[in-house]
């Protein structure tokens, strides 16, 4: 007999509900001021504003912050499928600086799933403007519920 998910179980939660639950437990997500704008299986759009304290020596968004934003985007998108997963690898290409005060948009899309691996592409752009970074990430599916 197959057990049916009930509204109280994590399997019954939507991708948006899982992301909101993870966000409450993730201090980096909250510190960066990330917001989820849209979430559906295999796709999520996040937003974040580049604040002064997130800049580098040259007064633009620190590359590590941009990378962290992308990592959070594909990690949360994968975990929003309901199975616990962790980043296994990622590569970033920086195309343009992230200006202070800019609202960044990260769109994460699942592009492949093979065995215990899921692959994601993330495009980060200035809202209404140019793409500033592209990321390819690999998640390792660990099993078990995202939120327990």
Protein backbone atom coordinates (compact mmCIF):
# COMPACT_ATOMS: atom_id res chain seq x y z
CA UNK A 1 0.00 0.00 0.00
CA UNK A 2 1.36 3.42 -0.97
CA UNK A 3 1.25 6.11 1.71
CA UNK A 4 -0.53 9.26 0.54
CA UNK A 5 0.97 12.67 1.33
CA UNK A 6 -1.15 14.86 3.56
CA UNK A 7 -0.97 18.66 3.80
CA UNK A 8 1.11 18.27 6.98
CA UNK A 9 3.90 16.31 5.26
CA UNK A 10 6.76 17.96 3.35
CA UNK A 11 5.89 15.93 0.22
CA UNK A 12 2.59 17.81 0.06
CA UNK A 13 4.26 21.23 0.01
CA UNK A 14 4.57 23.21 -3.21
CA UNK A 15 8.00 24.39 -4.45
CA UNK A 16 7.20 27.88 -3.15
CA UNK A 17 6.24 26.57 0.29
CA UNK A 18 9.42 24.49 0.48
CA UNK A 19 11.55 27.49 -0.50
CA UNK A 20 9.84 29.67 2.09
CA UNK A 21 10.47 26.98 4.73
CA UNK A 22 14.14 26.67 3.75
CA UNK A 23 14.53 30.48 3.76
CA UNK A 24 13.39 30.65 7.37
CA UNK A 25 16.22 28.26 8.31
CA UNK A 26 18.94 29.82 6.15
CA UNK A 27 20.73 32.85 7.63
CA UNK A 28 22.71 33.59 4.42
CA UNK A 29 19.50 33.76 2.37
CA UNK A 30 18.03 36.20 4.89
CA UNK A 31 21.24 38.27 5.24
CA UNK A 32 21.46 38.79 1.49
CA UNK A 33 17.81 39.85 1.40
CA UNK A 34 16.91 37.30 -1.27
CA UNK A 35 13.26 37.14 -2.31
CA UNK A 36 11.57 34.36 -4.23
CA UNK A 37 9.40 35.76 -7.03
CA UNK A 38 8.27 32.57 -8.75
CA UNK A 39 8.69 28.87 -8.08
CA UNK A 40 7.55 25.81 -9.95
CA UNK A 41 9.11 22.38 -10.43
CA UNK A 42 12.51 22.82 -12.06
CA UNK A 43 12.36 26.63 -12.29
CA UNK A 44 12.64 29.47 -9.80
CA UNK A 45 13.17 33.22 -10.07
CA UNK A 46 14.80 35.09 -7.19
CA UNK A 47 15.61 38.78 -6.61
CA UNK A 48 18.23 40.53 -4.49
CA UNK A 49 19.38 44.14 -4.19
CA UNK A 50 23.11 44.91 -4.22
CA UNK A 51 23.65 46.82 -0.98
CA UNK A 52 26.80 48.80 -0.19
CA UNK A 53 27.99 46.23 2.38
CA UNK A 54 27.98 43.59 -0.38
CA UNK A 55 30.50 45.42 -2.58
CA UNK A 56 34.17 44.89 -3.31
CA UNK A 57 37.12 47.31 -3.25
CA UNK A 58 35.95 48.86 -6.52
CA UNK A 59 32.42 49.66 -5.35
CA UNK A 60 30.49 47.02 -7.28
CA UNK A 61 28.82 43.84 -6.09
CA UNK A 62 31.48 41.40 -4.87
CA UNK A 63 31.87 38.40 -7.19
CA UNK A 64 31.55 36.05 -4.23
CA UNK A 65 28.16 37.57 -3.41
CA UNK A 66 27.00 37.14 -7.02
CA UNK A 67 28.20 33.53 -6.92
CA UNK A 68 26.47 32.94 -3.58
CA UNK A 69 23.23 34.36 -5.02
CA UNK A 70 23.47 31.90 -7.92
CA UNK A 71 24.32 28.98 -5.61
CA UNK A 72 21.33 29.78 -3.44
CA UNK A 73 19.13 29.99 -6.55
CA UNK A 74 19.95 26.59 -7.98
CA UNK A 75 20.24 24.94 -4.57
CA UNK A 76 16.83 26.13 -3.46
CA UNK A 77 15.34 25.24 -6.86
CA UNK A 78 16.62 21.68 -6.59
CA UNK A 79 15.57 21.25 -2.96
CA UNK A 80 12.12 22.66 -3.82
CA UNK A 81 11.48 19.31 -5.56
CA UNK A 82 11.13 17.86 -2.05
CA UNK A 83 14.29 15.74 -1.85
CA UNK A 84 17.30 16.91 0.15
CA UNK A 85 20.26 17.87 -2.05
CA UNK A 86 23.56 19.75 -1.77
CA UNK A 87 25.75 21.62 -4.24
CA UNK A 88 28.42 19.30 -5.66
CA UNK A 89 30.03 21.69 -8.14
CA UNK A 90 29.48 24.99 -9.91
CA UNK A 91 31.19 27.28 -12.39
CA UNK A 92 30.47 30.95 -13.04
CA UNK A 93 31.19 33.30 -15.91
CA UNK A 94 31.07 36.99 -14.99
CA UNK A 95 29.94 39.18 -17.89
CA UNK A 96 29.47 42.59 -16.25
CA UNK A 97 29.66 44.19 -12.80
CA UNK A 98 26.72 44.27 -10.38
CA UNK A 99 26.08 47.97 -9.65
CA UNK A 100 25.30 49.12 -6.12
CA UNK A 101 21.57 49.61 -5.73
CA UNK A 102 20.76 47.30 -8.64
CA UNK A 103 18.07 44.72 -8.17
CA UNK A 104 19.46 41.43 -9.44
CA UNK A 105 17.29 38.67 -10.84
CA UNK A 106 18.45 35.03 -10.79
CA UNK A 107 16.55 32.54 -12.91
CA UNK A 108 17.46 28.93 -12.16
CA UNK A 109 16.40 26.10 -14.48
CA UNK A 110 16.93 22.39 -14.19
CA UNK A 111 18.51 21.23 -17.44
CA UNK A 112 19.22 17.55 -16.72
CA UNK A 113 18.87 14.85 -14.10
CA UNK A 114 20.91 11.67 -14.14
CA UNK A 115 20.99 9.22 -11.28
CA UNK A 116 21.70 11.16 -8.06
CA UNK A 117 22.82 14.30 -9.96
CA UNK A 118 20.74 17.28 -11.11
CA UNK A 119 22.16 20.04 -13.30
CA UNK A 120 21.06 23.67 -13.28
CA UNK A 121 21.71 26.77 -15.34
CA UNK A 122 21.36 30.14 -13.65
CA UNK A 123 21.21 33.47 -15.42
CA UNK A 124 21.77 36.55 -13.27
CA UNK A 125 20.80 39.90 -14.70
CA UNK A 126 20.12 43.41 -13.58
CA UNK A 127 16.33 43.76 -13.44
CA UNK A 128 15.15 45.00 -16.81
CA UNK A 129 18.71 44.97 -18.13
CA UNK A 130 21.78 43.01 -19.07
CA UNK A 131 22.94 39.58 -18.02
CA UNK A 132 25.85 39.95 -15.59
CA UNK A 133 26.66 36.29 -14.87
CA UNK A 134 25.92 32.74 -15.99
CA UNK A 135 26.33 29.70 -13.78
CA UNK A 136 26.17 25.93 -14.31
CA UNK A 137 25.68 23.98 -11.10
CA UNK A 138 25.45 20.33 -10.16
CA UNK A 139 23.43 19.17 -7.20
CA UNK A 140 23.90 15.82 -5.48
CA UNK A 141 20.58 14.30 -4.46
CA UNK A 142 20.98 12.90 -0.95
CA UNK A 143 17.55 11.47 -0.30
CA UNK A 144 15.14 12.23 2.49
CA UNK A 145 12.78 15.18 2.71
CA UNK A 146 14.00 18.73 2.20
CA UNK A 147 12.31 19.84 5.40
CA UNK A 148 11.98 17.38 8.25
